[in-house]
Amino acid sequence: MADRVWFIRGMVCAVMTWLLVVYADFMVTFVMLLPSKDFWYSVVNGVIFNCLVVLSLSSHLRTMLTDPGAVPKGNATKEYMESLQLKPGEVIYKCPKCCCIKPERAHHCSICKRCIWKMDHHCPWVNNCVGEKNQRFFMLFTMYIALSSVHALIVCGLQFISCVRGQRTEYSDFSPPIL
């Protein structure tokens, strides 16, 4: 039951991530860029922002769907240990929770209930652990989100400046000019 609850929570977080990114895309494209009087400004910024959105969502999807580097469960059998051909005095570690032989730098995730090689953390926003095999996609996702956020802030700032300038010229009788 607890596994199901966590999966549902993780999927809610993942869907919320997508909805927030799509909402930001809607706001930048339809509220700030399309009403602009400068056609090329709208086209260039719209293409840049929408490319960043597509890249961030595809990286998010790849992070969600890529195996993070899970160690096979239950591989701590006698036959498997003999096949490793261990040298005398060589130590191997067994995870008591998932009964697997843990390689170096593998950690057990209490949410996924498995050991992940080079585990960084379990991210609820991608509903997956971030490990060796999907860390690249996670880093790309965070980079694209950061770049699209900076781009959206710049467009918002330019929109604000344009609104202030437009009001200043329209209502110059009511307010003194800004120096």
N, C-alpha and C. Protein backbone atom coordinates (compact mmCIF):
# COMPACT_ATOMS: atom_id res chain seq x y z
N MET A 1 0.82 -1.20 0.00
CA MET A 1 0.00 0.00 0.00
C MET A 1 0.87 1.26 0.00
N ALA A 2 1.92 1.26 0.79
CA ALA A 2 2.81 2.43 0.86
C ALA A 2 3.49 2.68 -0.48
N ASP A 3 3.84 1.59 -1.21
CA ASP A 3 4.46 1.76 -2.53
C ASP A 3 3.50 2.45 -3.49
N ARG A 4 2.24 2.04 -3.44
CA ARG A 4 1.24 2.64 -4.32
C ARG A 4 1.05 4.12 -4.01
N VAL A 5 1.01 4.46 -2.73
CA VAL A 5 0.83 5.85 -2.33
C VAL A 5 2.01 6.68 -2.83
N TRP A 6 3.23 6.16 -2.68
CA TRP A 6 4.39 6.92 -3.16
C TRP A 6 4.37 7.07 -4.67
N PHE A 7 3.98 6.02 -5.39
CA PHE A 7 3.92 6.11 -6.85
C PHE A 7 2.89 7.17 -7.27
N ILE A 8 1.76 7.20 -6.60
CA ILE A 8 0.73 8.19 -6.93
C ILE A 8 1.23 9.59 -6.62
N ARG A 9 1.88 9.78 -5.46
CA ARG A 9 2.46 11.08 -5.12
C ARG A 9 3.49 11.50 -6.16
N GLY A 10 4.34 10.56 -6.55
CA GLY A 10 5.37 10.86 -7.54
C GLY A 10 4.78 11.23 -8.89
N MET A 11 3.73 10.53 -9.28
CA MET A 11 3.09 10.85 -10.56
C MET A 11 2.39 12.21 -10.48
N VAL A 12 1.83 12.55 -9.33
CA VAL A 12 1.22 13.88 -9.16
C VAL A 12 2.29 14.96 -9.31
N CYS A 13 3.46 14.75 -8.71
CA CYS A 13 4.56 15.71 -8.85
C CYS A 13 5.02 15.82 -10.30
N ALA A 14 5.14 14.68 -10.98
CA ALA A 14 5.58 14.70 -12.37
C ALA A 14 4.57 15.42 -13.26
N VAL A 15 3.29 15.15 -13.04
CA VAL A 15 2.25 15.83 -13.83
C VAL A 15 2.23 17.32 -13.50
N MET A 16 2.43 17.67 -12.24
CA MET A 16 2.49 19.08 -11.86
C MET A 16 3.65 19.79 -12.54
N THR A 17 4.78 19.10 -12.67
CA THR A 17 5.93 19.67 -13.37
C THR A 17 5.56 20.00 -14.80
N TRP A 18 4.93 19.05 -15.48
CA TRP A 18 4.52 19.27 -16.87
C TRP A 18 3.51 20.41 -16.97
N LEU A 19 2.54 20.43 -16.06
CA LEU A 19 1.53 21.49 -16.11
C LEU A 19 2.14 22.87 -15.87
N LEU A 20 3.09 22.97 -14.94
CA LEU A 20 3.74 24.25 -14.69
C LEU A 20 4.56 24.73 -15.89
N VAL A 21 5.26 23.80 -16.53
CA VAL A 21 6.05 24.17 -17.71
C VAL A 21 5.13 24.59 -18.86
N VAL A 22 4.05 23.85 -19.07
CA VAL A 22 3.11 24.20 -20.14
C VAL A 22 2.42 25.53 -19.83
N TYR A 23 2.10 25.78 -18.57
CA TYR A 23 1.50 27.06 -18.18
C TYR A 23 2.47 28.21 -18.44
N ALA A 24 3.72 28.03 -18.08
CA ALA A 24 4.73 29.07 -18.35
C ALA A 24 4.85 29.31 -19.85
N ASP A 25 4.81 28.23 -20.63
CA ASP A 25 4.88 28.37 -22.08
C ASP A 25 3.68 29.16 -22.60
N PHE A 26 2.50 28.86 -22.09
CA PHE A 26 1.30 29.59 -22.50
C PHE A 26 1.42 31.07 -22.16
N MET A 27 1.85 31.36 -20.94
CA MET A 27 1.94 32.76 -20.50
C MET A 27 2.95 33.55 -21.34
N VAL A 28 4.11 32.97 -21.56
CA VAL A 28 5.13 33.69 -22.33
C VAL A 28 4.69 33.85 -23.78
N THR A 29 4.16 32.78 -24.37
CA THR A 29 3.82 32.83 -25.79
C THR A 29 2.57 33.66 -26.05
N PHE A 30 1.48 33.36 -25.37
CA PHE A 30 0.21 33.98 -25.71
C PHE A 30 -0.07 35.29 -24.98
N VAL A 31 0.51 35.49 -23.82
CA VAL A 31 0.24 36.71 -23.07
C VAL A 31 1.29 37.78 -23.34
N MET A 32 2.56 37.37 -23.49
CA MET A 32 3.61 38.38 -23.64
C MET A 32 4.12 38.54 -25.07
N LEU A 33 4.28 37.44 -25.81
CA LEU A 33 4.91 37.56 -27.12
C LEU A 33 3.94 37.84 -28.26
N LEU A 34 2.83 37.13 -28.32
CA LEU A 34 1.91 37.32 -29.45
C LEU A 34 1.29 38.71 -29.51
N PRO A 35 0.93 39.33 -28.38
CA PRO A 35 0.37 40.69 -28.48
C PRO A 35 1.41 41.77 -28.81
N SER A 36 2.68 41.40 -28.85
CA SER A 36 3.73 42.39 -29.11
C SER A 36 3.58 42.97 -30.51
N LYS A 37 3.93 44.23 -30.66
CA LYS A 37 3.84 44.90 -31.95
C LYS A 37 5.04 44.59 -32.84
N ASP A 38 6.13 44.13 -32.24
CA ASP A 38 7.33 43.80 -33.00
C ASP A 38 7.28 42.33 -33.41
N PHE A 39 7.06 42.07 -34.69
CA PHE A 39 6.89 40.70 -35.19
C PHE A 39 8.13 39.84 -34.96
N TRP A 40 9.30 40.34 -35.34
CA TRP A 40 10.52 39.52 -35.24
C TRP A 40 10.93 39.28 -33.79
N TYR A 41 10.67 40.23 -32.92
CA TYR A 41 10.90 40.03 -31.49
C TYR A 41 10.08 38.85 -30.99
N SER A 42 8.82 38.83 -31.37
CA SER A 42 7.93 37.74 -30.95
C SER A 42 8.37 36.40 -31.52
N VAL A 43 8.73 36.36 -32.79
CA VAL A 43 9.12 35.11 -33.45
C VAL A 43 10.40 34.56 -32.84
N VAL A 44 11.42 35.39 -32.72
CA VAL A 44 12.72 34.92 -32.21
C VAL A 44 12.59 34.44 -30.77
N ASN A 45 11.96 35.25 -29.93
CA ASN A 45 11.82 34.85 -28.52
C ASN A 45 10.87 33.67 -28.37
N GLY A 46 9.84 33.59 -29.20
CA GLY A 46 8.93 32.44 -29.15
C GLY A 46 9.62 31.15 -29.53
N VAL A 47 10.45 31.20 -30.57
CA VAL A 47 11.18 30.00 -30.99
C VAL A 47 12.17 29.58 -29.92
N ILE A 48 12.92 30.52 -29.38
CA ILE A 48 13.91 30.20 -28.34
C ILE A 48 13.22 29.59 -27.12
N PHE A 49 12.15 30.24 -26.64
CA PHE A 49 11.50 29.76 -25.43
C PHE A 49 10.85 28.39 -25.66
N ASN A 50 10.18 28.21 -26.78
CA ASN A 50 9.52 26.93 -27.04
C ASN A 50 10.53 25.81 -27.26
N CYS A 51 11.68 26.11 -27.83
CA CYS A 51 12.75 25.09 -27.94
C CYS A 51 13.22 24.67 -26.54
N LEU A 52 13.41 25.64 -25.66
CA LEU A 52 13.83 25.32 -24.29
C LEU A 52 12.76 24.49 -23.56
N VAL A 53 11.50 24.80 -23.81
CA VAL A 53 10.41 24.04 -23.18
C VAL A 53 10.40 22.60 -23.68
N VAL A 54 10.53 22.41 -24.99
CA VAL A 54 10.54 21.06 -25.56
C VAL A 54 11.74 20.27 -25.04
N LEU A 55 12.89 20.91 -24.99
CA LEU A 55 14.09 20.23 -24.48
C LEU A 55 13.94 19.87 -23.00
N SER A 56 13.37 20.77 -22.21
CA SER A 56 13.21 20.47 -20.78
C SER A 56 12.21 19.34 -20.57
N LEU A 57 11.11 19.34 -21.30
CA LEU A 57 10.13 18.27 -21.12
C LEU A 57 10.64 16.93 -21.64
N SER A 58 11.41 16.94 -22.72
CA SER A 58 11.97 15.67 -23.20
C SER A 58 13.03 15.14 -22.23
N SER A 59 13.81 16.03 -21.63
CA SER A 59 14.80 15.60 -20.63
C SER A 59 14.10 15.07 -19.39
N HIS A 60 13.00 15.69 -19.00
CA HIS A 60 12.22 15.22 -17.86
C HIS A 60 11.69 13.82 -18.13
N LEU A 61 11.16 13.62 -19.32
CA LEU A 61 10.62 12.30 -19.69
C LEU A 61 11.73 11.25 -19.71
N ARG A 62 12.88 11.59 -20.25
CA ARG A 62 14.01 10.64 -20.28
C ARG A 62 14.47 10.30 -18.86
N THR A 63 14.47 11.29 -17.96
CA THR A 63 14.86 11.03 -16.58
C THR A 63 13.87 10.09 -15.91
N MET A 64 12.59 10.29 -16.19
CA MET A 64 11.56 9.45 -15.59
C MET A 64 11.64 8.01 -16.08
N LEU A 65 11.90 7.84 -17.37
CA LEU A 65 11.78 6.52 -17.99
C LEU A 65 13.09 5.73 -18.08
N THR A 66 14.21 6.36 -17.78
CA THR A 66 15.50 5.67 -17.85
C THR A 66 15.79 5.00 -16.52
N ASP A 67 16.26 3.77 -16.59
CA ASP A 67 16.67 3.05 -15.38
C ASP A 67 17.85 3.81 -14.76
N PRO A 68 17.76 4.16 -13.48
CA PRO A 68 18.83 4.95 -12.87
C PRO A 68 20.11 4.17 -12.58
N GLY A 69 20.11 2.88 -12.80
CA GLY A 69 21.28 2.06 -12.49
C GLY A 69 20.98 1.11 -11.36
N ALA A 70 19.80 0.51 -11.41
CA ALA A 70 19.38 -0.38 -10.33
C ALA A 70 20.18 -1.67 -10.35
N VAL A 71 20.59 -2.09 -9.16
CA VAL A 71 21.27 -3.37 -8.98
C VAL A 71 20.17 -4.44 -8.96
N PRO A 72 20.35 -5.54 -9.70
CA PRO A 72 19.30 -6.58 -9.71
C PRO A 72 19.01 -7.10 -8.31
N LYS A 73 17.72 -7.21 -7.99
CA LYS A 73 17.32 -7.71 -6.67
C LYS A 73 17.61 -9.20 -6.58
N GLY A 74 18.00 -9.61 -5.39
CA GLY A 74 18.18 -11.04 -5.12
C GLY A 74 19.34 -11.68 -5.84
N ASN A 75 20.37 -10.93 -6.22
CA ASN A 75 21.51 -11.54 -6.92
C ASN A 75 22.56 -12.09 -5.95
N ALA A 76 22.27 -12.08 -4.67
CA ALA A 76 23.23 -12.56 -3.68
C ALA A 76 23.06 -14.07 -3.45
N THR A 77 22.96 -14.81 -4.53
CA THR A 77 22.85 -16.27 -4.42
C THR A 77 24.24 -16.88 -4.35
N LYS A 78 24.29 -18.12 -3.89
CA LYS A 78 25.57 -18.81 -3.77
C LYS A 78 26.21 -19.00 -5.15
N GLU A 79 25.39 -19.33 -6.15
CA GLU A 79 25.92 -19.55 -7.51
C GLU A 79 26.51 -18.26 -8.07
N TYR A 80 25.84 -17.15 -7.85
CA TYR A 80 26.33 -15.87 -8.37
C TYR A 80 27.62 -15.47 -7.68
N MET A 81 27.70 -15.68 -6.37
CA MET A 81 28.93 -15.33 -5.63
C MET A 81 30.10 -16.18 -6.09
N GLU A 82 29.85 -17.46 -6.40
CA GLU A 82 30.94 -18.32 -6.90
C GLU A 82 31.38 -17.87 -8.28
N SER A 83 30.44 -17.37 -9.09
CA SER A 83 30.80 -16.93 -10.44
C SER A 83 31.62 -15.64 -10.43
N LEU A 84 31.63 -14.92 -9.33
CA LEU A 84 32.42 -13.69 -9.23
C LEU A 84 33.90 -13.96 -9.10
N GLN A 85 34.27 -15.17 -8.70
CA GLN A 85 35.67 -15.59 -8.53
C GLN A 85 36.43 -14.59 -7.65
N LEU A 86 35.97 -14.46 -6.43
CA LEU A 86 36.57 -13.52 -5.49
C LEU A 86 37.93 -14.01 -5.03
N LYS A 87 38.82 -13.06 -4.84
CA LYS A 87 40.15 -13.38 -4.33
C LYS A 87 40.06 -13.53 -2.82
N PRO A 88 40.95 -14.28 -2.22
CA PRO A 88 40.92 -14.42 -0.75
C PRO A 88 41.08 -13.06 -0.07
N GLY A 89 40.22 -12.81 0.89
CA GLY A 89 40.26 -11.56 1.65
C GLY A 89 39.46 -10.44 1.00
N GLU A 90 38.95 -10.67 -0.21
CA GLU A 90 38.15 -9.63 -0.87
C GLU A 90 36.75 -9.60 -0.23
N VAL A 91 36.30 -8.39 0.07
CA VAL A 91 35.04 -8.23 0.78
C VAL A 91 33.97 -7.75 -0.19
N ILE A 92 32.80 -8.36 -0.09
CA ILE A 92 31.65 -7.87 -0.84
C ILE A 92 30.55 -7.54 0.17
N TYR A 93 29.73 -6.60 -0.21
CA TYR A 93 28.66 -6.17 0.68
C TYR A 93 27.32 -6.61 0.13
N LYS A 94 26.47 -7.03 1.04
CA LYS A 94 25.13 -7.46 0.67
C LYS A 94 24.14 -6.52 1.35
N CYS A 95 23.18 -6.05 0.57
CA CYS A 95 22.15 -5.18 1.13
C CYS A 95 21.15 -6.04 1.89
N PRO A 96 20.94 -5.76 3.16
CA PRO A 96 20.01 -6.57 3.94
C PRO A 96 18.54 -6.33 3.56
N LYS A 97 18.27 -5.23 2.89
CA LYS A 97 16.88 -4.89 2.57
C LYS A 97 16.40 -5.52 1.26
N CYS A 98 17.25 -5.54 0.24
CA CYS A 98 16.80 -6.08 -1.05
C CYS A 98 17.59 -7.32 -1.47
N CYS A 99 18.44 -7.83 -0.60
CA CYS A 99 19.21 -9.06 -0.85
C CYS A 99 19.97 -9.03 -2.17
N CYS A 100 20.71 -7.98 -2.37
CA CYS A 100 21.55 -7.91 -3.57
C CYS A 100 22.97 -7.61 -3.14
N ILE A 101 23.89 -7.96 -4.01
CA ILE A 101 25.29 -7.63 -3.78
C ILE A 101 25.47 -6.19 -4.21
N LYS A 102 25.88 -5.35 -3.26
CA LYS A 102 26.02 -3.92 -3.53
C LYS A 102 27.41 -3.62 -4.06
N PRO A 103 27.50 -3.08 -5.26
CA PRO A 103 28.81 -2.61 -5.71
C PRO A 103 29.20 -1.34 -4.95
N GLU A 104 30.44 -0.93 -5.10
CA GLU A 104 30.88 0.30 -4.45
C GLU A 104 30.03 1.46 -4.96
N ARG A 105 29.74 2.39 -4.07
CA ARG A 105 28.97 3.61 -4.35
C ARG A 105 27.50 3.32 -4.69
N ALA A 106 27.01 2.15 -4.36
CA ALA A 106 25.58 1.88 -4.51
C ALA A 106 24.90 2.13 -3.17
N HIS A 107 23.71 2.68 -3.24
CA HIS A 107 22.95 2.97 -2.03
C HIS A 107 21.54 2.45 -2.19
N HIS A 108 20.94 2.07 -1.07
CA HIS A 108 19.58 1.57 -1.10
C HIS A 108 18.61 2.74 -1.02
N CYS A 109 17.64 2.76 -1.92
CA CYS A 109 16.60 3.78 -1.91
C CYS A 109 15.40 3.22 -1.15
N SER A 110 15.03 3.89 -0.09
CA SER A 110 13.91 3.40 0.72
C SER A 110 12.57 3.60 0.02
N ILE A 111 12.52 4.45 -0.99
CA ILE A 111 11.27 4.69 -1.71
C ILE A 111 11.10 3.67 -2.84
N CYS A 112 12.16 3.46 -3.62
CA CYS A 112 12.10 2.49 -4.72
C CYS A 112 12.26 1.04 -4.24
N LYS A 113 12.77 0.89 -3.03
CA LYS A 113 13.03 -0.44 -2.45
C LYS A 113 14.04 -1.23 -3.27
N ARG A 114 15.11 -0.54 -3.71
CA ARG A 114 16.17 -1.21 -4.46
C ARG A 114 17.46 -0.41 -4.33
N CYS A 115 18.56 -1.08 -4.62
CA CYS A 115 19.86 -0.41 -4.58
C CYS A 115 20.13 0.22 -5.94
N ILE A 116 20.65 1.45 -5.90
CA ILE A 116 20.93 2.21 -7.11
C ILE A 116 22.42 2.53 -7.13
N TRP A 117 23.06 2.24 -8.25
CA TRP A 117 24.48 2.49 -8.39
C TRP A 117 24.72 3.97 -8.61
N LYS A 118 25.64 4.56 -7.84
CA LYS A 118 25.97 5.99 -7.85
C LYS A 118 24.70 6.84 -7.66
N MET A 119 23.91 6.45 -6.68
CA MET A 119 22.66 7.16 -6.42
C MET A 119 22.94 8.56 -5.88
N ASP A 120 22.24 9.52 -6.44
CA ASP A 120 22.32 10.90 -5.96
C ASP A 120 21.17 11.16 -4.99
N HIS A 121 19.95 10.99 -5.45
CA HIS A 121 18.78 11.18 -4.59
C HIS A 121 17.54 10.62 -5.30
N HIS A 122 16.47 10.48 -4.57
CA HIS A 122 15.20 10.12 -5.18
C HIS A 122 14.43 11.42 -5.39
N CYS A 123 14.12 11.72 -6.62
CA CYS A 123 13.48 12.99 -6.95
C CYS A 123 11.98 12.76 -7.18
N PRO A 124 11.14 13.37 -6.35
CA PRO A 124 9.70 13.18 -6.56
C PRO A 124 9.20 13.85 -7.84
N TRP A 125 9.91 14.88 -8.33
CA TRP A 125 9.46 15.61 -9.52
C TRP A 125 9.63 14.79 -10.79
N VAL A 126 10.53 13.81 -10.76
CA VAL A 126 10.67 12.91 -11.91
C VAL A 126 10.18 11.51 -11.56
N ASN A 127 9.75 11.31 -10.32
CA ASN A 127 9.23 10.02 -9.84
C ASN A 127 10.22 8.89 -10.11
N ASN A 128 11.49 9.15 -9.83
CA ASN A 128 12.54 8.16 -10.06
C ASN A 128 13.77 8.57 -9.26
N CYS A 129 14.63 7.60 -9.03
CA CYS A 129 15.92 7.92 -8.44
C CYS A 129 16.80 8.55 -9.50
N VAL A 130 17.73 9.37 -9.06
CA VAL A 130 18.73 9.92 -9.96
C VAL A 130 20.02 9.16 -9.66
N GLY A 131 20.45 8.37 -10.64
CA GLY A 131 21.63 7.55 -10.47
C GLY A 131 22.56 7.69 -11.67
N GLU A 132 23.45 6.72 -11.81
CA GLU A 132 24.46 6.81 -12.85
C GLU A 132 23.88 6.89 -14.26
N LYS A 133 22.85 6.15 -14.55
CA LYS A 133 22.37 6.06 -15.93
C LYS A 133 21.42 7.18 -16.34
N ASN A 134 20.82 7.90 -15.39
CA ASN A 134 19.91 8.97 -15.78
C ASN A 134 20.30 10.34 -15.22
N GLN A 135 21.45 10.43 -14.62
CA GLN A 135 21.88 11.71 -14.04
C GLN A 135 22.10 12.76 -15.13
N ARG A 136 22.59 12.34 -16.28
CA ARG A 136 22.82 13.28 -17.38
C ARG A 136 21.50 13.94 -17.81
N PHE A 137 20.44 13.14 -17.92
CA PHE A 137 19.14 13.69 -18.33
C PHE A 137 18.57 14.60 -17.25
N PHE A 138 18.80 14.25 -15.98
CA PHE A 138 18.33 15.09 -14.89
C PHE A 138 19.05 16.44 -14.90
N MET A 139 20.35 16.42 -15.13
CA MET A 139 21.11 17.68 -15.18
C MET A 139 20.68 18.53 -16.38
N LEU A 140 20.42 17.88 -17.51
CA LEU A 140 19.91 18.62 -18.66
C LEU A 140 18.54 19.23 -18.36
N PHE A 141 17.69 18.46 -17.69
CA PHE A 141 16.37 18.96 -17.32
C PHE A 141 16.49 20.21 -16.45
N THR A 142 17.32 20.15 -15.42
CA THR A 142 17.47 21.32 -14.54
C THR A 142 18.10 22.50 -15.28
N MET A 143 19.03 22.23 -16.19
CA MET A 143 19.65 23.31 -16.95
C MET A 143 18.64 23.97 -17.89
N TYR A 144 17.83 23.17 -18.60
CA TYR A 144 16.84 23.74 -19.52
C TYR A 144 15.76 24.50 -18.76
N ILE A 145 15.37 24.01 -17.59
CA ILE A 145 14.39 24.74 -16.78
C ILE A 145 14.99 26.07 -16.33
N ALA A 146 16.25 26.06 -15.92
CA ALA A 146 16.89 27.30 -15.48
C ALA A 146 17.00 28.29 -16.65
N LEU A 147 17.41 27.81 -17.82
CA LEU A 147 17.53 28.69 -18.99
C LEU A 147 16.18 29.25 -19.41
N SER A 148 15.15 28.41 -19.41
CA SER A 148 13.83 28.91 -19.80
C SER A 148 13.29 29.89 -18.76
N SER A 149 13.61 29.68 -17.49
CA SER A 149 13.20 30.62 -16.45
C SER A 149 13.89 31.97 -16.62
N VAL A 150 15.18 31.95 -16.90
CA VAL A 150 15.92 33.20 -17.12
C VAL A 150 15.37 33.91 -18.35
N HIS A 151 15.11 33.14 -19.41
CA HIS A 151 14.56 33.74 -20.63
C HIS A 151 13.19 34.36 -20.36
N ALA A 152 12.34 33.65 -19.61
CA ALA A 152 11.02 34.18 -19.28
C ALA A 152 11.13 35.46 -18.43
N LEU A 153 12.09 35.48 -17.50
CA LEU A 153 12.28 36.69 -16.69
C LEU A 153 12.74 37.87 -17.54
N ILE A 154 13.60 37.61 -18.51
CA ILE A 154 14.06 38.68 -19.40
C ILE A 154 12.89 39.21 -20.22
N VAL A 155 12.07 38.29 -20.77
CA VAL A 155 10.91 38.72 -21.55
C VAL A 155 9.93 39.50 -20.66
N CYS A 156 9.73 39.04 -19.41
CA CYS A 156 8.86 39.78 -18.47
C CYS A 156 9.42 41.17 -18.20
N GLY A 157 10.72 41.26 -18.00
CA GLY A 157 11.35 42.56 -17.75
C GLY A 157 11.19 43.49 -18.93
N LEU A 158 11.40 42.98 -20.15
CA LEU A 158 11.23 43.79 -21.34
C LEU A 158 9.77 44.21 -21.51
N GLN A 159 8.86 43.32 -21.18
CA GLN A 159 7.43 43.63 -21.24
C GLN A 159 7.08 44.74 -20.23
N PHE A 160 7.65 44.64 -19.05
CA PHE A 160 7.42 45.66 -18.03
C PHE A 160 7.94 47.02 -18.47
N ILE A 161 9.16 47.03 -19.01
CA ILE A 161 9.75 48.28 -19.47
C ILE A 161 8.91 48.87 -20.59
N SER A 162 8.44 48.04 -21.48
CA SER A 162 7.60 48.51 -22.59
C SER A 162 6.29 49.09 -22.07
N CYS A 163 5.69 48.46 -21.07
CA CYS A 163 4.45 48.98 -20.48
C CYS A 163 4.68 50.32 -19.80
N VAL A 164 5.77 50.43 -19.05
CA VAL A 164 6.08 51.67 -18.35
C VAL A 164 6.34 52.80 -19.35
N ARG A 165 7.10 52.51 -20.39
CA ARG A 165 7.38 53.54 -21.40
C ARG A 165 6.11 53.95 -22.12
N GLY A 166 5.26 52.98 -22.43
CA GLY A 166 4.01 53.29 -23.12
C GLY A 166 3.10 54.15 -22.27
N GLN A 167 3.02 53.86 -20.99
CA GLN A 167 2.17 54.66 -20.10
C GLN A 167 2.77 56.04 -19.87
N ARG A 168 4.09 56.12 -19.83
CA ARG A 168 4.73 57.41 -19.58
C ARG A 168 4.47 58.36 -20.75
N THR A 169 4.53 57.85 -21.97
CA THR A 169 4.29 58.73 -23.11
C THR A 169 2.81 59.04 -23.26
N GLU A 170 1.95 58.10 -22.91
CA GLU A 170 0.51 58.34 -23.02
C GLU A 170 0.02 59.31 -21.95
N TYR A 171 0.50 59.17 -20.74
CA TYR A 171 0.00 59.95 -19.61
C TYR A 171 1.05 60.92 -19.09
N SER A 172 1.82 61.53 -19.99
CA SER A 172 2.87 62.42 -19.54
C SER A 172 2.33 63.68 -18.86
N ASP A 173 1.05 64.02 -19.09
CA ASP A 173 0.46 65.20 -18.44
C ASP A 173 0.26 64.95 -16.95
N PHE A 174 0.09 63.68 -16.56
CA PHE A 174 -0.23 63.37 -15.16
C PHE A 174 1.01 63.12 -14.30
N SER A 175 2.11 62.83 -14.94
CA SER A 175 3.31 62.55 -14.17
C SER A 175 4.50 63.24 -14.80
N PRO A 176 5.42 63.66 -13.99
CA PRO A 176 6.61 64.32 -14.55
C PRO A 176 7.49 63.29 -15.25
N PRO A 177 8.28 63.70 -16.21
CA PRO A 177 9.16 62.76 -16.90
C PRO A 177 10.20 62.18 -15.95
N ILE A 178 10.53 60.92 -16.20
CA ILE A 178 11.53 60.23 -15.38
C ILE A 178 12.90 60.53 -15.96
N LEU A 179 13.80 60.96 -15.11
CA LEU A 179 15.16 61.30 -15.56
C LEU A 179 16.07 60.13 -15.50
